[in-house]
PDB file of all heavy atoms in Angstrom:
ATOM      1  N   ALA A   1       3.189 -26.353  -6.208  1.00  0.00           N
ATOM      2  CA  ALA A   1       3.327 -25.141  -5.492  1.00  0.00           C
ATOM      3  C   ALA A   1       2.678 -25.301  -4.109  1.00  0.00           C
ATOM      4  O   ALA A   1       1.932 -26.254  -3.850  1.00  0.00           O
ATOM      5  CB  ALA A   1       2.549 -24.059  -6.237  1.00  0.00           C
ATOM      6  N   PRO A   2       3.044 -24.433  -3.126  1.00  0.00           N
ATOM      7  CA  PRO A   2       2.448 -24.473  -1.826  1.00  0.00           C
ATOM      8  C   PRO A   2       0.889 -24.474  -1.947  1.00  0.00           C
ATOM      9  O   PRO A   2       0.281 -23.680  -2.649  1.00  0.00           O
ATOM     10  CB  PRO A   2       2.990 -23.258  -1.097  1.00  0.00           C
ATOM     11  CG  PRO A   2       4.233 -22.923  -1.789  1.00  0.00           C
ATOM     12  CD  PRO A   2       3.983 -23.352  -3.291  1.00  0.00           C
ATOM     13  N   GLY A   3       0.231 -25.421  -1.254  1.00  0.00           N
ATOM     14  CA  GLY A   3      -1.209 -25.512  -1.275  1.00  0.00           C
ATOM     15  C   GLY A   3      -1.807 -26.120  -2.481  1.00  0.00           C
ATOM     16  O   GLY A   3      -3.078 -26.303  -2.551  1.00  0.00           O
ATOM     17  N   GLN A   4      -1.001 -26.403  -3.485  1.00  0.00           N
ATOM     18  CA  GLN A   4      -1.575 -26.936  -4.796  1.00  0.00           C
ATOM     19  C   GLN A   4      -2.202 -28.317  -4.660  1.00  0.00           C
ATOM     20  O   GLN A   4      -1.757 -29.148  -3.942  1.00  0.00           O
ATOM     21  CB  GLN A   4      -0.422 -26.967  -5.905  1.00  0.00           C
ATOM     22  CG  GLN A   4      -1.041 -27.388  -7.186  1.00  0.00           C
ATOM     23  CD  GLN A   4      -0.016 -27.461  -8.287  1.00  0.00           C
ATOM     24  OE1 GLN A   4       1.238 -27.014  -8.066  1.00  0.00           O
ATOM     25  NE2 GLN A   4      -0.413 -27.775  -9.502  1.00  0.00           N
ATOM     26  N   ILE A   5      -3.281 -28.486  -5.330  1.00  0.00           N
ATOM     27  CA  ILE A   5      -4.002 -29.708  -5.432  1.00  0.00           C
ATOM     28  C   ILE A   5      -3.795 -30.299  -6.864  1.00  0.00           C
ATOM     29  O   ILE A   5      -3.943 -29.518  -7.745  1.00  0.00           O
ATOM     30  CB  ILE A   5      -5.477 -29.531  -5.150  1.00  0.00           C
ATOM     31  CG1 ILE A   5      -5.682 -29.090  -3.685  1.00  0.00           C
ATOM     32  CG2 ILE A   5      -6.322 -30.726  -5.459  1.00  0.00           C
ATOM     33  CD1 ILE A   5      -7.105 -28.674  -3.364  1.00  0.00           C
ATOM     34  N   VAL A   6      -3.587 -31.607  -6.950  1.00  0.00           N
ATOM     35  CA  VAL A   6      -3.596 -32.291  -8.264  1.00  0.00           C
ATOM     36  C   VAL A   6      -4.417 -33.470  -8.152  1.00  0.00           C
ATOM     37  O   VAL A   6      -4.674 -34.064  -7.143  1.00  0.00           O
ATOM     38  CB  VAL A   6      -2.138 -32.564  -8.698  1.00  0.00           C
ATOM     39  CG1 VAL A   6      -1.246 -31.353  -8.858  1.00  0.00           C
ATOM     40  CG2 VAL A   6      -1.463 -33.631  -7.741  1.00  0.00           C
ATOM     41  N   LEU A   7      -4.934 -33.871  -9.295  1.00  0.00           N
ATOM     42  CA  LEU A   7      -5.760 -35.100  -9.449  1.00  0.00           C
ATOM     43  C   LEU A   7      -4.958 -36.172 -10.250  1.00  0.00           C
ATOM     44  O   LEU A   7      -4.269 -35.794 -11.197  1.00  0.00           O
ATOM     45  CB  LEU A   7      -7.094 -34.864 -10.141  1.00  0.00           C
ATOM     46  CG  LEU A   7      -8.004 -33.880  -9.537  1.00  0.00           C
ATOM     47  CD1 LEU A   7      -9.184 -33.610 -10.395  1.00  0.00           C
ATOM     48  CD2 LEU A   7      -8.480 -34.270  -8.183  1.00  0.00           C
ATOM     49  N   VAL A   8      -5.128 -37.425  -9.868  1.00  0.00           N
ATOM     50  CA  VAL A   8      -4.653 -38.511 -10.616  1.00  0.00           C
ATOM     51  C   VAL A   8      -5.819 -39.363 -10.987  1.00  0.00           C
ATOM     52  O   VAL A   8      -6.719 -39.770 -10.154  1.00  0.00           O
ATOM     53  CB  VAL A   8      -3.664 -39.420  -9.802  1.00  0.00           C
ATOM     54  CG1 VAL A   8      -3.169 -40.599 -10.663  1.00  0.00           C
ATOM     55  CG2 VAL A   8      -2.418 -38.632  -9.366  1.00  0.00           C
ATOM     56  N   VAL A   9      -6.001 -39.630 -12.328  1.00  0.00           N
ATOM     57  CA  VAL A   9      -7.230 -40.226 -12.820  1.00  0.00           C
ATOM     58  C   VAL A   9      -6.916 -41.463 -13.693  1.00  0.00           C
ATOM     59  O   VAL A   9      -5.847 -41.578 -14.163  1.00  0.00           O
ATOM     60  CB  VAL A   9      -8.066 -39.149 -13.629  1.00  0.00           C
ATOM     61  CG1 VAL A   9      -8.369 -38.012 -12.736  1.00  0.00           C
ATOM     62  CG2 VAL A   9      -7.326 -38.723 -14.882  1.00  0.00           C
ATOM     63  N   PRO A  10      -8.003 -42.252 -13.875  1.00  0.00           N
ATOM     64  CA  PRO A  10      -7.742 -43.496 -14.675  1.00  0.00           C
ATOM     65  C   PRO A  10      -7.931 -43.351 -16.168  1.00  0.00           C
ATOM     66  O   PRO A  10      -7.793 -44.335 -16.918  1.00  0.00           O
ATOM     67  CB  PRO A  10      -8.832 -44.454 -14.092  1.00  0.00           C
ATOM     68  CG  PRO A  10     -10.003 -43.543 -13.753  1.00  0.00           C
ATOM     69  CD  PRO A  10      -9.301 -42.296 -13.290  1.00  0.00           C
ATOM     70  N   ILE A  11      -8.295 -42.184 -16.603  1.00  0.00           N
ATOM     71  CA  ILE A  11      -8.495 -41.943 -18.072  1.00  0.00           C
ATOM     72  C   ILE A  11      -7.566 -40.769 -18.545  1.00  0.00           C
ATOM     73  O   ILE A  11      -6.893 -40.157 -17.698  1.00  0.00           O
ATOM     74  CB  ILE A  11      -9.993 -41.580 -18.353  1.00  0.00           C
ATOM     75  CG1 ILE A  11     -10.416 -40.245 -17.720  1.00  0.00           C
ATOM     76  CG2 ILE A  11     -10.902 -42.785 -17.963  1.00  0.00           C
ATOM     77  CD1 ILE A  11     -11.850 -39.882 -18.085  1.00  0.00           C
ATOM     78  N   ASN A  12      -7.627 -40.432 -19.793  1.00  0.00           N
ATOM     79  CA  ASN A  12      -6.937 -39.394 -20.315  1.00  0.00           C
ATOM     80  C   ASN A  12      -7.185 -38.077 -19.568  1.00  0.00           C
ATOM     81  O   ASN A  12      -8.480 -37.783 -19.369  1.00  0.00           O
ATOM     82  CB  ASN A  12      -7.263 -39.145 -21.841  1.00  0.00           C
ATOM     83  CG  ASN A  12      -6.586 -37.917 -22.380  1.00  0.00           C
ATOM     84  OD1 ASN A  12      -6.967 -36.816 -22.124  1.00  0.00           O
ATOM     85  ND2 ASN A  12      -5.574 -38.172 -23.173  1.00  0.00           N
ATOM     86  N   PRO A  13      -6.302 -37.326 -19.040  1.00  0.00           N
ATOM     87  CA  PRO A  13      -6.534 -36.165 -18.186  1.00  0.00           C
ATOM     88  C   PRO A  13      -7.399 -35.126 -18.859  1.00  0.00           C
ATOM     89  O   PRO A  13      -8.252 -34.549 -18.211  1.00  0.00           O
ATOM     90  CB  PRO A  13      -5.170 -35.601 -17.893  1.00  0.00           C
ATOM     91  CG  PRO A  13      -4.224 -36.795 -17.952  1.00  0.00           C
ATOM     92  CD  PRO A  13      -4.778 -37.659 -19.042  1.00  0.00           C
ATOM     93  N   GLU A  14      -7.213 -34.867 -20.201  1.00  0.00           N
ATOM     94  CA  GLU A  14      -8.048 -33.890 -20.822  1.00  0.00           C
ATOM     95  C   GLU A  14      -9.473 -34.320 -20.945  1.00  0.00           C
ATOM     96  O   GLU A  14     -10.445 -33.482 -20.935  1.00  0.00           O
ATOM     97  CB  GLU A  14      -7.418 -33.372 -22.107  1.00  0.00           C
ATOM     98  CG  GLU A  14      -6.167 -32.566 -21.925  1.00  0.00           C
ATOM     99  CD  GLU A  14      -6.370 -31.395 -20.900  1.00  0.00           C
ATOM    100  OE1 GLU A  14      -7.427 -30.629 -21.005  1.00  0.00           O
ATOM    101  OE2 GLU A  14      -5.575 -31.249 -19.982  1.00  0.00           O
ATOM    102  N   THR A  15      -9.644 -35.625 -21.212  1.00  0.00           N
ATOM    103  CA  THR A  15     -10.979 -36.152 -21.228  1.00  0.00           C
ATOM    104  C   THR A  15     -11.735 -35.983 -19.857  1.00  0.00           C
ATOM    105  O   THR A  15     -12.834 -35.604 -19.874  1.00  0.00           O
ATOM    106  CB  THR A  15     -10.929 -37.642 -21.632  1.00  0.00           C
ATOM    107  OG1 THR A  15     -10.296 -37.786 -22.851  1.00  0.00           O
ATOM    108  CG2 THR A  15     -12.384 -38.305 -21.707  1.00  0.00           C
ATOM    109  N   PHE A  16     -11.037 -36.255 -18.797  1.00  0.00           N
ATOM    110  CA  PHE A  16     -11.510 -36.088 -17.422  1.00  0.00           C
ATOM    111  C   PHE A  16     -11.892 -34.619 -17.245  1.00  0.00           C
ATOM    112  O   PHE A  16     -12.928 -34.317 -16.690  1.00  0.00           O
ATOM    113  CB  PHE A  16     -10.502 -36.583 -16.410  1.00  0.00           C
ATOM    114  CG  PHE A  16     -11.023 -36.678 -15.008  1.00  0.00           C
ATOM    115  CD1 PHE A  16     -11.557 -37.878 -14.497  1.00  0.00           C
ATOM    116  CD2 PHE A  16     -10.887 -35.606 -14.176  1.00  0.00           C
ATOM    117  CE1 PHE A  16     -12.009 -37.936 -13.250  1.00  0.00           C
ATOM    118  CE2 PHE A  16     -11.347 -35.676 -12.868  1.00  0.00           C
ATOM    119  CZ  PHE A  16     -11.889 -36.855 -12.421  1.00  0.00           C
ATOM    120  N   ARG A  17     -10.958 -33.705 -17.568  1.00  0.00           N
ATOM    121  CA  ARG A  17     -11.196 -32.297 -17.423  1.00  0.00           C
ATOM    122  C   ARG A  17     -12.461 -31.864 -18.066  1.00  0.00           C
ATOM    123  O   ARG A  17     -13.303 -31.176 -17.556  1.00  0.00           O
ATOM    124  CB  ARG A  17      -9.975 -31.504 -17.921  1.00  0.00           C
ATOM    125  CG  ARG A  17     -10.153 -30.032 -17.726  1.00  0.00           C
ATOM    126  CD  ARG A  17      -9.001 -29.227 -18.323  1.00  0.00           C
ATOM    127  NE  ARG A  17      -7.608 -29.734 -17.879  1.00  0.00           N
ATOM    128  CZ  ARG A  17      -7.070 -29.486 -16.681  1.00  0.00           C
ATOM    129  NH1 ARG A  17      -7.760 -28.789 -15.759  1.00  0.00           N
ATOM    130  NH2 ARG A  17      -5.959 -29.999 -16.405  1.00  0.00           N
ATOM    131  N   THR A  18     -12.657 -32.259 -19.264  1.00  0.00           N
ATOM    132  CA  THR A  18     -13.849 -31.869 -20.156  1.00  0.00           C
ATOM    133  C   THR A  18     -15.104 -32.518 -19.545  1.00  0.00           C
ATOM    134  O   THR A  18     -16.197 -31.886 -19.342  1.00  0.00           O
ATOM    135  CB  THR A  18     -13.694 -32.308 -21.573  1.00  0.00           C
ATOM    136  OG1 THR A  18     -12.495 -31.653 -22.085  1.00  0.00           O
ATOM    137  CG2 THR A  18     -14.828 -31.933 -22.429  1.00  0.00           C
ATOM    138  N   LYS A  19     -15.028 -33.851 -19.199  1.00  0.00           N
ATOM    139  CA  LYS A  19     -16.201 -34.541 -18.738  1.00  0.00           C
ATOM    140  C   LYS A  19     -16.742 -33.972 -17.398  1.00  0.00           C
ATOM    141  O   LYS A  19     -17.960 -33.869 -17.155  1.00  0.00           O
ATOM    142  CB  LYS A  19     -15.783 -35.984 -18.494  1.00  0.00           C
ATOM    143  CG  LYS A  19     -17.028 -36.959 -18.091  1.00  0.00           C
ATOM    144  CD  LYS A  19     -16.495 -38.351 -18.074  1.00  0.00           C
ATOM    145  CE  LYS A  19     -17.590 -39.341 -17.780  1.00  0.00           C
ATOM    146  NZ  LYS A  19     -17.184 -40.757 -17.728  1.00  0.00           N
ATOM    147  N   TYR A  20     -15.858 -33.522 -16.494  1.00  0.00           N
ATOM    148  CA  TYR A  20     -16.266 -33.040 -15.190  1.00  0.00           C
ATOM    149  C   TYR A  20     -16.111 -31.481 -14.993  1.00  0.00           C
ATOM    150  O   TYR A  20     -16.262 -31.000 -13.902  1.00  0.00           O
ATOM    151  CB  TYR A  20     -15.510 -33.805 -14.132  1.00  0.00           C
ATOM    152  CG  TYR A  20     -15.784 -35.257 -14.168  1.00  0.00           C
ATOM    153  CD1 TYR A  20     -14.902 -36.133 -14.738  1.00  0.00           C
ATOM    154  CD2 TYR A  20     -17.031 -35.744 -13.758  1.00  0.00           C
ATOM    155  CE1 TYR A  20     -15.113 -37.400 -14.869  1.00  0.00           C
ATOM    156  CE2 TYR A  20     -17.283 -37.078 -13.861  1.00  0.00           C
ATOM    157  CZ  TYR A  20     -16.415 -37.992 -14.462  1.00  0.00           C
ATOM    158  OH  TYR A  20     -16.674 -39.313 -14.534  1.00  0.00           O
ATOM    159  N   ASN A  21     -15.753 -30.782 -16.161  1.00  0.00           N
ATOM    160  CA  ASN A  21     -15.690 -29.341 -16.132  1.00  0.00           C
ATOM    161  C   ASN A  21     -14.653 -28.876 -15.098  1.00  0.00           C
ATOM    162  O   ASN A  21     -14.945 -27.918 -14.273  1.00  0.00           O
ATOM    163  CB  ASN A  21     -16.973 -28.610 -15.904  1.00  0.00           C
ATOM    164  CG  ASN A  21     -17.045 -27.221 -16.325  1.00  0.00           C
ATOM    165  OD1 ASN A  21     -16.211 -26.792 -17.155  1.00  0.00           O
ATOM    166  ND2 ASN A  21     -17.809 -26.370 -15.640  1.00  0.00           N
ATOM    167  N   ILE A  22     -13.428 -29.481 -15.077  1.00  0.00           N
ATOM    168  CA  ILE A  22     -12.416 -29.117 -14.102  1.00  0.00           C
ATOM    169  C   ILE A  22     -11.656 -27.858 -14.687  1.00  0.00           C
ATOM    170  O   ILE A  22     -11.268 -27.890 -15.809  1.00  0.00           O
ATOM    171  CB  ILE A  22     -11.426 -30.255 -13.907  1.00  0.00           C
ATOM    172  CG1 ILE A  22     -12.118 -31.562 -13.524  1.00  0.00           C
ATOM    173  CG2 ILE A  22     -10.347 -29.892 -12.898  1.00  0.00           C
ATOM    174  CD1 ILE A  22     -12.769 -31.621 -12.195  1.00  0.00           C
ATOM    175  N   PRO A  23     -11.493 -26.857 -13.828  1.00  0.00           N
ATOM    176  CA  PRO A  23     -10.835 -25.671 -14.317  1.00  0.00           C
ATOM    177  C   PRO A  23      -9.401 -25.958 -14.797  1.00  0.00           C
ATOM    178  O   PRO A  23      -8.641 -26.836 -14.298  1.00  0.00           O
ATOM    179  CB  PRO A  23     -10.753 -24.766 -13.038  1.00  0.00           C
ATOM    180  CG  PRO A  23     -11.669 -25.288 -12.105  1.00  0.00           C
ATOM    181  CD  PRO A  23     -11.839 -26.759 -12.405  1.00  0.00           C
ATOM    182  N   ALA A  24      -8.963 -25.165 -15.762  1.00  0.00           N
ATOM    183  CA  ALA A  24      -7.574 -25.378 -16.362  1.00  0.00           C
ATOM    184  C   ALA A  24      -6.471 -25.228 -15.348  1.00  0.00           C
ATOM    185  O   ALA A  24      -5.389 -25.802 -15.496  1.00  0.00           O
ATOM    186  CB  ALA A  24      -7.388 -24.414 -17.504  1.00  0.00           C
ATOM    187  N   ALA A  25      -6.671 -24.491 -14.218  1.00  0.00           N
ATOM    188  CA  ALA A  25      -5.706 -24.255 -13.215  1.00  0.00           C
ATOM    189  C   ALA A  25      -5.414 -25.546 -12.401  1.00  0.00           C
ATOM    190  O   ALA A  25      -4.392 -25.618 -11.755  1.00  0.00           O
ATOM    191  CB  ALA A  25      -6.120 -23.098 -12.307  1.00  0.00           C
ATOM    192  N   THR A  26      -6.269 -26.539 -12.418  1.00  0.00           N
ATOM    193  CA  THR A  26      -6.153 -27.737 -11.647  1.00  0.00           C
ATOM    194  C   THR A  26      -5.370 -28.693 -12.515  1.00  0.00           C
ATOM    195  O   THR A  26      -5.822 -29.082 -13.605  1.00  0.00           O
ATOM    196  CB  THR A  26      -7.479 -28.314 -11.285  1.00  0.00           C
ATOM    197  OG1 THR A  26      -8.147 -27.458 -10.469  1.00  0.00           O
ATOM    198  CG2 THR A  26      -7.257 -29.626 -10.475  1.00  0.00           C
ATOM    199  N   ALA A  27      -4.182 -29.109 -12.029  1.00  0.00           N
ATOM    200  CA  ALA A  27      -3.402 -30.108 -12.768  1.00  0.00           C
ATOM    201  C   ALA A  27      -4.024 -31.467 -12.633  1.00  0.00           C
ATOM    202  O   ALA A  27      -4.442 -31.870 -11.550  1.00  0.00           O
ATOM    203  CB  ALA A  27      -1.921 -30.124 -12.210  1.00  0.00           C
ATOM    204  N   ILE A  28      -4.100 -32.184 -13.781  1.00  0.00           N
ATOM    205  CA  ILE A  28      -4.648 -33.550 -13.840  1.00  0.00           C
ATOM    206  C   ILE A  28      -3.604 -34.449 -14.471  1.00  0.00           C
ATOM    207  O   ILE A  28      -3.112 -34.152 -15.506  1.00  0.00           O
ATOM    208  CB  ILE A  28      -6.009 -33.599 -14.477  1.00  0.00           C
ATOM    209  CG1 ILE A  28      -6.982 -32.672 -13.922  1.00  0.00           C
ATOM    210  CG2 ILE A  28      -6.485 -35.046 -14.512  1.00  0.00           C
ATOM    211  CD1 ILE A  28      -8.255 -32.581 -14.704  1.00  0.00           C
ATOM    212  N   TYR A  29      -3.324 -35.647 -13.804  1.00  0.00           N
ATOM    213  CA  TYR A  29      -2.310 -36.556 -14.338  1.00  0.00           C
ATOM    214  C   TYR A  29      -2.978 -37.898 -14.475  1.00  0.00           C
ATOM    215  O   TYR A  29      -3.936 -38.269 -13.781  1.00  0.00           O
ATOM    216  CB  TYR A  29      -1.141 -36.676 -13.375  1.00  0.00           C
ATOM    217  CG  TYR A  29      -0.323 -35.399 -13.291  1.00  0.00           C
ATOM    218  CD1 TYR A  29      -0.612 -34.508 -12.238  1.00  0.00           C
ATOM    219  CD2 TYR A  29       0.579 -35.148 -14.183  1.00  0.00           C
ATOM    220  CE1 TYR A  29       0.006 -33.324 -12.217  1.00  0.00           C
ATOM    221  CE2 TYR A  29       1.282 -33.918 -14.169  1.00  0.00           C
ATOM    222  CZ  TYR A  29       1.024 -33.020 -13.163  1.00  0.00           C
ATOM    223  OH  TYR A  29       1.664 -31.753 -13.087  1.00  0.00           O
ATOM    224  N   GLY A  30      -2.558 -38.652 -15.443  1.00  0.00           N
ATOM    225  CA  GLY A  30      -2.972 -39.989 -15.700  1.00  0.00           C
ATOM    226  C   GLY A  30      -2.597 -40.434 -17.132  1.00  0.00           C
ATOM    227  O   GLY A  30      -1.885 -39.777 -17.803  1.00  0.00           O
ATOM    228  N   PRO A  31      -3.139 -41.568 -17.518  1.00  0.00           N
ATOM    229  CA  PRO A  31      -4.070 -42.424 -16.793  1.00  0.00           C
ATOM    230  C   PRO A  31      -3.329 -43.363 -15.846  1.00  0.00           C
ATOM    231  O   PRO A  31      -2.141 -43.779 -16.133  1.00  0.00           O
ATOM    232  CB  PRO A  31      -4.729 -43.192 -17.881  1.00  0.00           C
ATOM    233  CG  PRO A  31      -3.808 -43.267 -19.013  1.00  0.00           C
ATOM    234  CD  PRO A  31      -2.992 -42.005 -18.876  1.00  0.00           C
ATOM    235  N   ALA A  32      -3.836 -43.584 -14.675  1.00  0.00           N
ATOM    236  CA  ALA A  32      -3.349 -44.604 -13.782  1.00  0.00           C
ATOM    237  C   ALA A  32      -3.676 -45.948 -14.417  1.00  0.00           C
ATOM    238  O   ALA A  32      -4.572 -46.114 -15.169  1.00  0.00           O
ATOM    239  CB  ALA A  32      -4.080 -44.510 -12.385  1.00  0.00           C
ATOM    240  N   THR A  33      -2.869 -46.941 -14.097  1.00  0.00           N
ATOM    241  CA  THR A  33      -2.973 -48.271 -14.734  1.00  0.00           C
ATOM    242  C   THR A  33      -3.850 -49.232 -13.924  1.00  0.00           C
ATOM    243  O   THR A  33      -4.160 -50.337 -14.447  1.00  0.00           O
ATOM    244  CB  THR A  33      -1.653 -48.825 -15.070  1.00  0.00           C
ATOM    245  OG1 THR A  33      -0.940 -49.056 -13.780  1.00  0.00           O
ATOM    246  CG2 THR A  33      -0.822 -47.973 -16.002  1.00  0.00           C
ATOM    247  N   ALA A  34      -4.157 -48.911 -12.697  1.00  0.00           N
ATOM    248  CA  ALA A  34      -5.033 -49.806 -11.945  1.00  0.00           C
ATOM    249  C   ALA A  34      -6.198 -49.016 -11.338  1.00  0.00           C
ATOM    250  O   ALA A  34      -6.064 -47.811 -11.134  1.00  0.00           O
ATOM    251  CB  ALA A  34      -4.214 -50.442 -10.794  1.00  0.00           C
ATOM    252  N   SER A  35      -7.223 -49.683 -10.994  1.00  0.00           N
ATOM    253  CA  SER A  35      -8.425 -49.113 -10.330  1.00  0.00           C
ATOM    254  C   SER A  35      -8.371 -49.168  -8.912  1.00  0.00           C
ATOM    255  O   SER A  35      -7.766 -50.053  -8.322  1.00  0.00           O
ATOM    256  CB  SER A  35      -9.651 -49.839 -10.983  1.00  0.00           C
ATOM    257  OG  SER A  35      -9.762 -49.669 -12.272  1.00  0.00           O
ATOM    258  N   LEU A  36      -9.047 -48.267  -8.271  1.00  0.00           N
ATOM    259  CA  LEU A  36      -9.253 -48.347  -6.809  1.00  0.00           C
ATOM    260  C   LEU A  36     -10.282 -49.401  -6.649  1.00  0.00           C
ATOM    261  O   LEU A  36     -11.303 -49.453  -7.263  1.00  0.00           O
ATOM    262  CB  LEU A  36      -9.816 -46.974  -6.317  1.00  0.00           C
ATOM    263  CG  LEU A  36      -8.800 -45.816  -6.451  1.00  0.00           C
ATOM    264  CD1 LEU A  36      -9.595 -44.405  -6.121  1.00  0.00           C
ATOM    265  CD2 LEU A  36      -7.734 -45.923  -5.364  1.00  0.00           C
ATOM    266  N   ARG A  37     -10.066 -50.263  -5.585  1.00  0.00           N
ATOM    267  CA  ARG A  37     -11.034 -51.429  -5.436  1.00  0.00           C
ATOM    268  C   ARG A  37     -12.139 -51.021  -4.506  1.00  0.00           C
ATOM    269  O   ARG A  37     -11.955 -50.325  -3.433  1.00  0.00           O
ATOM    270  CB  ARG A  37     -10.177 -52.537  -4.744  1.00  0.00           C
ATOM    271  CG  ARG A  37      -9.112 -53.137  -5.703  1.00  0.00           C
ATOM    272  CD  ARG A  37      -8.571 -54.384  -5.329  1.00  0.00           C
ATOM    273  NE  ARG A  37      -8.269 -54.480  -3.833  1.00  0.00           N
ATOM    274  CZ  ARG A  37      -7.178 -55.014  -3.364  1.00  0.00           C
ATOM    275  NH1 ARG A  37      -6.348 -55.632  -4.090  1.00  0.00           N
ATOM    276  NH2 ARG A  37      -7.013 -55.005  -2.099  1.00  0.00           N
ATOM    277  N   ASN A  38     -13.359 -51.323  -4.937  1.00  0.00           N
ATOM    278  CA  ASN A  38     -14.555 -51.034  -4.165  1.00  0.00           C
ATOM    279  C   ASN A  38     -14.592 -51.585  -2.827  1.00  0.00           C
ATOM    280  O   ASN A  38     -15.110 -51.079  -1.899  1.00  0.00           O
ATOM    281  CB  ASN A  38     -15.773 -51.467  -4.994  1.00  0.00           C
ATOM    282  CG  ASN A  38     -15.904 -50.746  -6.267  1.00  0.00           C
ATOM    283  OD1 ASN A  38     -15.310 -49.687  -6.470  1.00  0.00           O
ATOM    284  ND2 ASN A  38     -16.825 -51.233  -7.104  1.00  0.00           N
ATOM    285  N   GLU A  39     -13.925 -52.725  -2.640  1.00  0.00           N
ATOM    286  CA  GLU A  39     -13.944 -53.417  -1.292  1.00  0.00           C
ATOM    287  C   GLU A  39     -12.869 -52.798  -0.330  1.00  0.00           C
ATOM    288  O   GLU A  39     -12.756 -53.249   0.725  1.00  0.00           O
ATOM    289  CB  GLU A  39     -13.752 -54.927  -1.485  1.00  0.00           C
ATOM    290  CG  GLU A  39     -12.402 -55.334  -2.014  1.00  0.00           C
ATOM    291  CD  GLU A  39     -12.385 -55.368  -3.545  1.00  0.00           C
ATOM    292  OE1 GLU A  39     -13.280 -54.904  -4.301  1.00  0.00           O
ATOM    293  OE2 GLU A  39     -11.404 -55.865  -4.076  1.00  0.00           O
ATOM    294  N   GLY A  40     -12.152 -51.769  -0.845  1.00  0.00           N
ATOM    295  CA  GLY A  40     -11.044 -51.185  -0.021  1.00  0.00           C
ATOM    296  C   GLY A  40      -9.674 -51.700  -0.328  1.00  0.00           C
ATOM    297  O   GLY A  40      -9.543 -52.768  -0.891  1.00  0.00           O
ATOM    298  N   GLU A  41      -8.680 -50.917   0.003  1.00  0.00           N
ATOM    299  CA  GLU A  41      -7.344 -51.212  -0.184  1.00  0.00           C
ATOM    300  C   GLU A  41      -6.419 -50.179   0.360  1.00  0.00           C
ATOM    301  O   GLU A  41      -6.911 -49.097   0.818  1.00  0.00           O
ATOM    302  CB  GLU A  41      -6.984 -51.467  -1.677  1.00  0.00           C
ATOM    303  CG  GLU A  41      -7.011 -50.195  -2.470  1.00  0.00           C
ATOM    304  CD  GLU A  41      -6.709 -50.457  -3.904  1.00  0.00           C
ATOM    305  OE1 GLU A  41      -5.644 -50.990  -4.283  1.00  0.00           O
ATOM    306  OE2 GLU A  41      -7.471 -49.945  -4.788  1.00  0.00           O
ATOM    307  N   GLN A  42      -5.115 -50.473   0.302  1.00  0.00           N
ATOM    308  CA  GLN A  42      -4.185 -49.420   0.771  1.00  0.00           C
ATOM    309  C   GLN A  42      -3.643 -48.679  -0.434  1.00  0.00           C
ATOM    310  O   GLN A  42      -3.204 -49.275  -1.459  1.00  0.00           O
ATOM    311  CB  GLN A  42      -3.029 -50.166   1.492  1.00  0.00           C
ATOM    312  CG  GLN A  42      -1.934 -49.120   2.044  1.00  0.00           C
ATOM    313  CD  GLN A  42      -0.921 -49.843   2.786  1.00  0.00           C
ATOM    314  OE1 GLN A  42      -1.183 -50.288   3.952  1.00  0.00           O
ATOM    315  NE2 GLN A  42       0.284 -49.986   2.257  1.00  0.00           N
TER     316      GLN A  42
END
């Protein structure tokens, strides 16, 4: 939707939602199959 924010996470989306108390209105997708690299990347 216009202005909508979504999250992409490396774990099960509902586990992420519960762990970080994310409101039900925020869409969460995952799990991503690769991690963000600490040393940076594109």
